[in-house]
């Protein structure tokens, strides 16, 4: 085998080894990024559940009535009077 041919084969092996290392490093970096994104996703899902629970608590009628009475000094009316506004037919 000639020296030139051996040099080409060695260069090819070194080049392929560098390519393999580069791809492996990139693959490992992407795996770490995926794991980080999974953790962020789980954290966001937990936060979303907590926010939905908080929103549902704030929508409770008893709580709203209590806030209206306490903070706005509102009271329940003794009776409700309805007023009819027109005949309901188009002119």
C-alpha atoms as a PDB file:
ATOM      1  CA  UNK A   1       0.000   0.000   0.000  1.00  0.00           C
ATOM      2  CA  UNK A   2       1.389   3.379  -0.942  1.00  0.00           C
ATOM      3  CA  UNK A   3       1.937   6.202   1.503  1.00  0.00           C
ATOM      4  CA  UNK A   4      -0.567   8.433  -0.340  1.00  0.00           C
ATOM      5  CA  UNK A   5      -3.285   5.860  -0.134  1.00  0.00           C
ATOM      6  CA  UNK A   6      -2.648   5.235   3.559  1.00  0.00           C
ATOM      7  CA  UNK A   7      -2.744   8.990   4.207  1.00  0.00           C
ATOM      8  CA  UNK A   8      -6.113   9.261   2.412  1.00  0.00           C
ATOM      9  CA  UNK A   9      -7.544   6.362   4.360  1.00  0.00           C
ATOM     10  CA  UNK A  10      -6.263   7.849   7.634  1.00  0.00           C
ATOM     11  CA  UNK A  11      -7.734  11.257   6.731  1.00  0.00           C
ATOM     12  CA  UNK A  12     -11.054   9.595   5.857  1.00  0.00           C
ATOM     13  CA  UNK A  13     -11.138   7.674   9.160  1.00  0.00           C
ATOM     14  CA  UNK A  14     -10.274  10.818  11.141  1.00  0.00           C
ATOM     15  CA  UNK A  15     -12.912  12.829   9.244  1.00  0.00           C
ATOM     16  CA  UNK A  16     -15.596  10.214   9.809  1.00  0.00           C
ATOM     17  CA  UNK A  17     -14.622   9.967  13.486  1.00  0.00           C
ATOM     18  CA  UNK A  18     -14.947  13.746  13.869  1.00  0.00           C
ATOM     19  CA  UNK A  19     -18.313  13.664  12.102  1.00  0.00           C
ATOM     20  CA  UNK A  20     -19.485  10.873  14.407  1.00  0.00           C
ATOM     21  CA  UNK A  21     -18.360  12.793  17.509  1.00  0.00           C
ATOM     22  CA  UNK A  22     -20.050  15.933  16.254  1.00  0.00           C
ATOM     23  CA  UNK A  23     -23.339  14.130  15.601  1.00  0.00           C
ATOM     24  CA  UNK A  24     -23.171  12.330  18.942  1.00  0.00           C
ATOM     25  CA  UNK A  25     -22.532  15.602  20.791  1.00  0.00           C
ATOM     26  CA  UNK A  26     -25.429  17.282  18.982  1.00  0.00           C
ATOM     27  CA  UNK A  27     -27.670  14.308  19.786  1.00  0.00           C
ATOM     28  CA  UNK A  28     -26.796  14.495  23.502  1.00  0.00           C
ATOM     29  CA  UNK A  29     -27.397  18.256  23.534  1.00  0.00           C
ATOM     30  CA  UNK A  30     -30.841  17.752  21.967  1.00  0.00           C
ATOM     31  CA  UNK A  31     -31.703  15.046  24.517  1.00  0.00           C
ATOM     32  CA  UNK A  32     -30.875  17.445  27.355  1.00  0.00           C
ATOM     33  CA  UNK A  33     -32.986  20.151  25.720  1.00  0.00           C
ATOM     34  CA  UNK A  34     -35.913  17.716  25.391  1.00  0.00           C
ATOM     35  CA  UNK A  35     -35.644  16.811  29.084  1.00  0.00           C
ATOM     36  CA  UNK A  36     -35.556  20.491  30.043  1.00  0.00           C
ATOM     37  CA  UNK A  37     -38.629  21.165  27.903  1.00  0.00           C
ATOM     38  CA  UNK A  38     -40.441  18.225  29.510  1.00  0.00           C
ATOM     39  CA  UNK A  39     -39.743  19.715  32.952  1.00  0.00           C
ATOM     40  CA  UNK A  40     -40.967  23.139  31.820  1.00  0.00           C
ATOM     41  CA  UNK A  41     -44.091  21.567  30.302  1.00  0.00           C
ATOM     42  CA  UNK A  42     -44.854  19.701  33.529  1.00  0.00           C
ATOM     43  CA  UNK A  43     -44.367  22.890  35.528  1.00  0.00           C
ATOM     44  CA  UNK A  44     -46.660  24.838  33.198  1.00  0.00           C
ATOM     45  CA  UNK A  45     -49.322  22.134  33.387  1.00  0.00           C
ATOM     46  CA  UNK A  46     -49.220  22.302  37.184  1.00  0.00           C
ATOM     47  CA  UNK A  47     -49.496  26.086  37.068  1.00  0.00           C
ATOM     48  CA  UNK A  48     -52.417  25.843  34.629  1.00  0.00           C
ATOM     49  CA  UNK A  49     -54.266  23.429  36.961  1.00  0.00           C
ATOM     50  CA  UNK A  50     -53.709  25.798  39.871  1.00  0.00           C
ATOM     51  CA  UNK A  51     -54.936  28.784  37.838  1.00  0.00           C
ATOM     52  CA  UNK A  52     -58.050  26.902  36.705  1.00  0.00           C
ATOM     53  CA  UNK A  53     -58.779  25.950  40.311  1.00  0.00           C
ATOM     54  CA  UNK A  54     -58.282  29.550  41.426  1.00  0.00           C
ATOM     55  CA  UNK A  55     -60.545  30.818  38.630  1.00  0.00           C
ATOM     56  CA  UNK A  56     -63.287  28.349  39.527  1.00  0.00           C
ATOM     57  CA  UNK A  57     -63.095  29.425  43.182  1.00  0.00           C
ATOM     58  CA  UNK A  58     -63.412  33.075  42.180  1.00  0.00           C
ATOM     59  CA  UNK A  59     -66.538  32.289  40.137  1.00  0.00           C
ATOM     60  CA  UNK A  60     -68.416  30.790  43.093  1.00  0.00           C
ATOM     61  CA  UNK A  61     -71.635  32.724  43.667  1.00  0.00           C
ATOM     62  CA  UNK A  62     -71.343  32.613  47.454  1.00  0.00           C
ATOM     63  CA  UNK A  63     -67.925  34.221  47.301  1.00  0.00           C
ATOM     64  CA  UNK A  64     -69.107  36.895  44.878  1.00  0.00           C
ATOM     65  CA  UNK A  65     -72.116  37.672  47.064  1.00  0.00           C
ATOM     66  CA  UNK A  66     -69.920  37.862  50.151  1.00  0.00           C
ATOM     67  CA  UNK A  67     -67.523  40.279  48.403  1.00  0.00           C
ATOM     68  CA  UNK A  68     -70.427  42.408  47.189  1.00  0.00           C
ATOM     69  CA  UNK A  69     -71.827  42.673  50.712  1.00  0.00           C
ATOM     70  CA  UNK A  70     -68.512  43.196  52.460  1.00  0.00           C
ATOM     71  CA  UNK A  71     -66.548  45.418  50.080  1.00  0.00           C
ATOM     72  CA  UNK A  72     -69.288  47.156  48.125  1.00  0.00           C
ATOM     73  CA  UNK A  73     -71.798  47.320  51.000  1.00  0.00           C
ATOM     74  CA  UNK A  74     -74.510  45.867  48.783  1.00  0.00           C
ATOM     75  CA  UNK A  75     -77.634  44.251  50.229  1.00  0.00           C
ATOM     76  CA  UNK A  76     -80.178  41.816  48.854  1.00  0.00           C
ATOM     77  CA  UNK A  77     -83.407  43.527  47.849  1.00  0.00           C
ATOM     78  CA  UNK A  78     -86.564  42.732  49.805  1.00  0.00           C
ATOM     79  CA  UNK A  79     -88.445  42.151  46.577  1.00  0.00           C
ATOM     80  CA  UNK A  80     -87.711  42.249  42.881  1.00  0.00           C
ATOM     81  CA  UNK A  81     -89.816  44.451  40.640  1.00  0.00           C
ATOM     82  CA  UNK A  82     -89.882  43.847  36.910  1.00  0.00           C
ATOM     83  CA  UNK A  83     -90.619  46.591  34.378  1.00  0.00           C
ATOM     84  CA  UNK A  84     -91.969  45.765  30.946  1.00  0.00           C
ATOM     85  CA  UNK A  85     -90.287  47.890  28.279  1.00  0.00           C
ATOM     86  CA  UNK A  86     -92.560  47.901  25.235  1.00  0.00           C
ATOM     87  CA  UNK A  87     -94.811  45.412  23.596  1.00  0.00           C
ATOM     88  CA  UNK A  88     -92.049  43.245  22.193  1.00  0.00           C
ATOM     89  CA  UNK A  89     -93.305  43.614  18.604  1.00  0.00           C
ATOM     90  CA  UNK A  90     -91.395  45.417  15.866  1.00  0.00           C
ATOM     91  CA  UNK A  91     -92.950  48.660  14.589  1.00  0.00           C
END
